[in-house]
Amino acid sequence: MSNNKKHVLFIGAGRMAQALIKGINKNEFSILVGNNGNEDRLREVKETFEVETTNHWSQEIHKMDIIILAMPPESHDDILAKLSKDISGQLVITVAAGIGPTYLESRLPKGTPVSWVMPNTAAKLCKSMTLYALGQNVNQEQQGWIEALIYDIGEFEKVTEQQIHELTAVTGSAPAFIYRVAEALEKITLESGVNKDQARKLVANMIAGSAEMLKTNAAPAELADEVATPGGSTAAGLEILDTNHLDRLMIDAIEACRQKAMRQG
């Protein structure tokens, strides 16, 4: 990127927008935030992140290099219709489930560069696993802008539009499944007599350590075998999970997420 700051307009100021705003390098990007009239939310964002806000984002489009659509999927059609009247080559990015580059290109002027970026909520801790896909009109410089925008919120991978449709359920939705597992583990940990803080520490660090082991590229089955001695207590627990088809349950949950996202998009 050049030494000049790129001007970024966020349309939407909810949780994901805030997570991105927090992580974006303010030395590279100048941020303006607007939404559909929630002035209290805009005031909160301005005070928390020290960025500029606007109640009239449509009047600012011509000043922008990048426009980030940070609103629910069902809100996109109206916003895209408004954008189409004023946009003139700006890079348009959506962070909504089910809204891919093909969808954006079909609703914006021909030649508009677009991208689909899918962080997860760990972006607020700079620990997101973010996926992104490019539309057909994005040039190399603009791809660099995208990667610079998400660089400080965690790891990222460039994939195809179809792969985001398939993978968002894993990188974006599956953390909720892990939190449900953590909730169950905390409950049973509390039964031993430790307090809530101790239970959270035990479970959170166990999950974090397990994730670090996965990063060694050892197969999950091999790691499980390292923990489970044949005929031992861990093996007895694994037998319960296998008998109740944990793998099938997870696959069904991921597929439900995919189907719902496709209906929204």
Protein backbone atom coordinates (compact mmCIF):
# COMPACT_ATOMS: atom_id res chain seq x y z
CA MET A 1 0.00 0.00 0.00
CA SER A 2 1.01 3.60 -0.51
CA ASN A 3 1.84 5.92 2.36
CA ASN A 4 -1.52 7.65 1.90
CA LYS A 5 -4.28 6.36 4.11
CA LYS A 6 -7.13 4.59 2.38
CA HIS A 7 -10.59 5.82 3.30
CA VAL A 8 -12.94 3.14 4.57
CA LEU A 9 -16.68 3.49 5.10
CA PHE A 10 -18.39 0.97 7.35
CA ILE A 11 -22.12 0.68 6.77
CA GLY A 12 -23.17 -1.02 9.98
CA ALA A 13 -21.77 -0.68 13.48
CA GLY A 14 -22.62 -3.96 15.19
CA ARG A 15 -20.41 -6.55 16.82
CA MET A 16 -18.55 -7.70 13.72
CA ALA A 17 -18.00 -4.15 12.51
CA GLN A 18 -16.63 -3.23 15.91
CA ALA A 19 -14.32 -6.24 15.97
CA LEU A 20 -12.91 -5.24 12.59
CA ILE A 21 -12.63 -1.57 13.52
CA LYS A 22 -10.71 -2.48 16.66
CA GLY A 23 -8.17 -4.53 14.70
CA ILE A 24 -7.67 -2.30 11.66
CA ASN A 25 -4.35 -0.47 11.48
CA LYS A 26 -5.33 3.19 11.87
CA ASN A 27 -2.00 4.27 10.37
CA GLU A 28 -3.04 2.74 7.04
CA PHE A 29 -6.78 3.33 7.03
CA SER A 30 -9.02 6.28 7.84
CA ILE A 31 -12.34 4.94 9.12
CA LEU A 32 -15.83 6.43 8.85
CA VAL A 33 -18.79 4.55 10.32
CA GLY A 34 -22.46 4.92 9.44
CA ASN A 35 -25.59 2.82 9.91
CA ASN A 36 -29.33 3.01 9.39
CA GLY A 37 -30.07 5.57 12.08
CA ASN A 38 -28.96 4.06 15.39
CA GLU A 39 -27.33 7.19 16.77
CA ASP A 40 -26.63 5.65 20.18
CA ARG A 41 -24.62 2.87 18.54
CA LEU A 42 -22.68 5.36 16.45
CA ARG A 43 -21.89 7.45 19.50
CA GLU A 44 -20.66 4.36 21.32
CA VAL A 45 -18.43 3.36 18.40
CA LYS A 46 -17.01 6.86 18.09
CA GLU A 47 -16.12 7.05 21.79
CA THR A 48 -14.78 3.51 22.03
CA PHE A 49 -12.65 3.35 18.89
CA GLU A 50 -11.92 7.04 18.25
CA VAL A 51 -13.20 6.95 14.68
CA GLU A 52 -15.43 9.33 12.77
CA THR A 53 -19.13 8.58 12.32
CA THR A 54 -21.85 9.88 10.03
CA ASN A 55 -25.64 9.92 9.94
CA HIS A 56 -25.58 10.38 6.16
CA TRP A 57 -23.25 7.73 4.77
CA SER A 58 -24.62 8.01 1.23
CA GLN A 59 -23.19 11.51 1.01
CA GLU A 60 -19.69 10.21 1.78
CA ILE A 61 -19.39 7.46 -0.82
CA HIS A 62 -17.51 9.59 -3.34
CA LYS A 63 -14.72 10.18 -0.81
CA MET A 64 -14.16 6.50 -0.08
CA ASP A 65 -11.73 3.89 -1.40
CA ILE A 66 -13.37 0.95 0.38
CA ILE A 67 -16.95 0.33 1.52
CA ILE A 68 -17.57 -2.44 4.05
CA LEU A 69 -21.10 -3.79 4.38
CA ALA A 70 -21.38 -4.91 7.99
CA MET A 71 -25.07 -5.67 8.27
CA PRO A 72 -27.29 -8.78 8.18
CA PRO A 73 -27.77 -10.57 4.85
CA GLU A 74 -31.40 -9.49 4.58
CA SER A 75 -30.40 -5.80 4.68
CA HIS A 76 -28.10 -5.99 1.67
CA ASP A 77 -30.56 -5.54 -1.17
CA ASP A 78 -31.74 -2.12 -0.02
CA ILE A 79 -28.20 -0.91 0.73
CA LEU A 80 -26.83 -2.21 -2.56
CA ALA A 81 -29.63 -0.45 -4.44
CA LYS A 82 -28.64 2.83 -2.77
CA LEU A 83 -24.94 2.23 -3.39
CA SER A 84 -25.51 1.53 -7.07
CA LYS A 85 -26.64 5.12 -7.60
CA ASP A 86 -23.45 6.71 -6.28
CA ILE A 87 -20.62 4.20 -6.46
CA SER A 88 -17.82 4.75 -8.96
CA GLY A 89 -15.21 2.01 -8.72
CA GLN A 90 -14.82 1.74 -4.95
CA LEU A 91 -13.98 -1.67 -3.53
CA VAL A 92 -17.09 -3.12 -1.87
CA ILE A 93 -16.63 -5.76 0.84
CA THR A 94 -19.35 -7.68 2.65
CA VAL A 95 -18.90 -9.57 5.92
CA ALA A 96 -22.37 -11.16 5.83
CA ALA A 97 -23.06 -14.88 5.67
CA GLY A 98 -24.29 -16.10 2.30
CA ILE A 99 -23.52 -12.88 0.38
CA GLY A 100 -20.78 -13.79 -2.08
CA PRO A 101 -19.03 -11.82 -4.85
CA THR A 102 -21.46 -13.11 -7.49
CA TYR A 103 -24.39 -11.72 -5.52
CA LEU A 104 -22.69 -8.33 -5.07
CA GLU A 105 -21.66 -8.08 -8.72
CA SER A 106 -25.21 -8.79 -9.88
CA ARG A 107 -26.51 -5.82 -7.89
CA LEU A 108 -23.76 -3.24 -8.40
CA PRO A 109 -22.59 -1.42 -11.57
CA LYS A 110 -20.64 -3.54 -14.02
CA GLY A 111 -16.93 -3.59 -13.23
CA THR A 112 -17.31 -2.88 -9.50
CA PRO A 113 -14.57 -4.66 -7.51
CA VAL A 114 -16.09 -6.73 -4.71
CA SER A 115 -14.95 -9.14 -2.04
CA TRP A 116 -16.48 -11.43 0.55
CA VAL A 117 -14.66 -11.45 3.89
CA MET A 118 -15.76 -13.80 6.65
CA PRO A 119 -14.07 -13.26 10.03
CA ASN A 120 -15.33 -14.83 13.23
CA THR A 121 -16.03 -13.23 16.59
CA ALA A 122 -12.48 -13.93 17.82
CA ALA A 123 -11.52 -10.95 15.65
CA LYS A 124 -12.12 -8.79 18.73
CA LEU A 125 -9.13 -10.56 20.32
CA CYS A 126 -7.13 -10.55 17.07
CA LYS A 127 -7.55 -14.34 16.92
CA SER A 128 -9.97 -14.68 14.02
CA MET A 129 -9.68 -17.35 11.35
CA THR A 130 -10.82 -15.24 8.41
CA LEU A 131 -11.72 -16.42 4.93
CA TYR A 132 -11.91 -14.13 1.92
CA ALA A 133 -12.86 -14.47 -1.73
CA LEU A 134 -12.43 -12.00 -4.57
CA GLY A 135 -14.79 -10.89 -7.28
CA GLN A 136 -13.64 -10.86 -10.89
CA ASN A 137 -12.77 -7.14 -10.94
CA VAL A 138 -10.44 -6.92 -7.93
CA ASN A 139 -6.90 -5.92 -8.88
CA GLN A 140 -3.69 -6.81 -7.07
CA GLU A 141 -3.52 -3.51 -5.20
CA GLN A 142 -7.05 -3.94 -3.91
CA GLN A 143 -6.31 -7.47 -2.80
CA GLY A 144 -3.47 -5.95 -0.80
CA TRP A 145 -5.94 -3.55 0.82
CA ILE A 146 -8.14 -6.47 1.84
CA GLU A 147 -5.27 -8.38 3.41
CA ALA A 148 -4.05 -5.23 5.18
CA LEU A 149 -7.56 -4.68 6.60
CA ILE A 150 -7.70 -8.16 8.13
CA TYR A 151 -4.01 -8.67 8.90
CA ASP A 152 -4.24 -7.58 12.53
CA ILE A 153 -7.39 -9.50 13.44
CA GLY A 154 -5.81 -12.95 13.11
CA GLU A 155 -4.99 -15.58 10.51
CA PHE A 156 -6.60 -15.49 7.06
CA GLU A 157 -6.88 -17.59 3.93
CA LYS A 158 -7.88 -16.69 0.38
CA VAL A 159 -10.35 -19.25 -0.96
CA THR A 160 -13.02 -19.42 -3.66
CA GLU A 161 -16.54 -18.12 -3.26
CA GLN A 162 -17.93 -21.66 -3.20
CA GLN A 163 -15.41 -22.66 -0.54
CA ILE A 164 -16.54 -19.81 1.70
CA HIS A 165 -20.12 -21.05 1.34
CA GLU A 166 -18.93 -24.46 2.50
CA LEU A 167 -16.33 -23.43 5.11
CA THR A 168 -18.00 -20.56 6.97
CA ALA A 169 -20.00 -23.07 8.97
CA VAL A 170 -16.67 -24.39 10.29
CA THR A 171 -14.70 -21.18 10.81
CA GLY A 172 -17.64 -18.92 11.65
CA SER A 173 -20.36 -21.07 13.25
CA ALA A 174 -18.47 -23.96 14.83
CA PRO A 175 -16.92 -21.79 17.58
CA ALA A 176 -20.44 -21.72 19.06
CA PHE A 177 -20.33 -25.52 19.18
CA ILE A 178 -17.01 -25.40 21.01
CA TYR A 179 -18.52 -22.96 23.52
CA ARG A 180 -21.41 -25.38 24.14
CA VAL A 181 -18.89 -28.12 24.83
CA ALA A 182 -17.03 -25.74 27.15
CA GLU A 183 -20.26 -24.94 28.97
CA ALA A 184 -20.92 -28.62 29.64
CA LEU A 185 -17.34 -29.17 30.81
CA GLU A 186 -17.56 -26.17 33.14
CA LYS A 187 -20.75 -27.53 34.71
CA ILE A 188 -19.21 -30.90 35.49
CA THR A 189 -15.99 -29.21 36.67
CA LEU A 190 -17.96 -27.12 39.18
CA GLU A 191 -19.30 -30.35 40.70
CA SER A 192 -15.79 -31.05 42.02
CA GLY A 193 -16.05 -28.03 44.30
CA VAL A 194 -13.87 -25.50 42.46
CA ASN A 195 -15.25 -21.99 41.94
CA LYS A 196 -16.46 -20.53 38.63
CA ASP A 197 -13.20 -18.75 37.89
CA GLN A 198 -11.21 -21.92 38.47
CA ALA A 199 -13.59 -23.94 36.30
CA ARG A 200 -13.32 -21.42 33.46
CA LYS A 201 -9.52 -21.38 33.73
CA LEU A 202 -9.28 -25.17 33.66
CA VAL A 203 -11.58 -25.58 30.66
CA ALA A 204 -10.35 -22.58 28.64
CA ASN A 205 -6.71 -23.54 28.97
CA MET A 206 -7.43 -27.16 28.17
CA ILE A 207 -9.16 -26.10 24.93
CA ALA A 208 -6.40 -23.61 24.10
CA GLY A 209 -3.72 -26.23 24.68
CA SER A 210 -5.58 -28.75 22.55
CA ALA A 211 -5.80 -26.18 19.75
CA GLU A 212 -2.05 -25.62 19.95
CA MET A 213 -1.50 -29.37 19.64
CA LEU A 214 -3.63 -29.37 16.47
CA LYS A 215 -1.35 -26.68 15.03
CA THR A 216 1.54 -29.18 15.09
CA ASN A 217 -0.22 -30.82 12.11
CA ALA A 218 -0.60 -34.13 13.90
CA ALA A 219 -3.85 -35.83 12.92
CA PRO A 220 -6.68 -35.38 15.44
CA ALA A 221 -7.01 -39.16 15.74
CA GLU A 222 -3.30 -39.46 16.58
CA LEU A 223 -3.61 -36.77 19.23
CA ALA A 224 -6.60 -38.55 20.73
CA ASP A 225 -4.61 -41.76 20.82
CA GLU A 226 -1.82 -39.95 22.68
CA VAL A 227 -4.33 -39.11 25.43
CA ALA A 228 -6.26 -42.36 25.49
CA THR A 229 -4.52 -45.46 26.85
CA PRO A 230 -6.22 -48.59 25.50
CA GLY A 231 -8.73 -49.78 28.07
CA GLY A 232 -8.19 -46.66 30.18
CA SER A 233 -10.53 -43.96 31.46
CA THR A 234 -10.18 -41.67 28.43
CA ALA A 235 -10.93 -44.59 26.11
CA ALA A 236 -14.11 -45.21 28.08
CA GLY A 237 -15.20 -41.62 27.48
CA LEU A 238 -14.34 -41.81 23.79
CA GLU A 239 -16.44 -44.95 23.51
CA ILE A 240 -19.48 -42.98 24.73
CA LEU A 241 -18.86 -40.27 22.13
CA ASP A 242 -18.41 -42.85 19.38
CA THR A 243 -21.49 -44.82 20.41
CA ASN A 244 -23.55 -41.65 20.26
CA HIS A 245 -22.05 -40.72 16.89
CA LEU A 246 -20.43 -37.41 17.79
CA ASP A 247 -18.93 -37.17 14.31
CA ARG A 248 -22.35 -37.53 12.67
CA LEU A 249 -23.84 -34.97 15.05
CA MET A 250 -21.16 -32.42 14.17
CA ILE A 251 -21.59 -33.04 10.44
CA ASP A 252 -25.35 -32.55 10.75
CA ALA A 253 -24.85 -29.31 12.71
CA ILE A 254 -22.45 -27.94 10.08
CA GLU A 255 -24.83 -28.88 7.29
CA ALA A 256 -27.70 -27.10 9.08
CA CYS A 257 -25.57 -23.95 9.22
CA ARG A 258 -24.80 -24.22 5.51
CA GLN A 259 -28.41 -24.69 4.54
CA LYS A 260 -29.53 -21.72 6.62
CA ALA A 261 -26.82 -19.47 5.15
CA MET A 262 -27.84 -20.48 1.62
CA ARG A 263 -31.46 -19.53 2.33
CA GLN A 264 -30.35 -16.15 3.68
CA GLY A 265 -28.06 -15.37 0.77
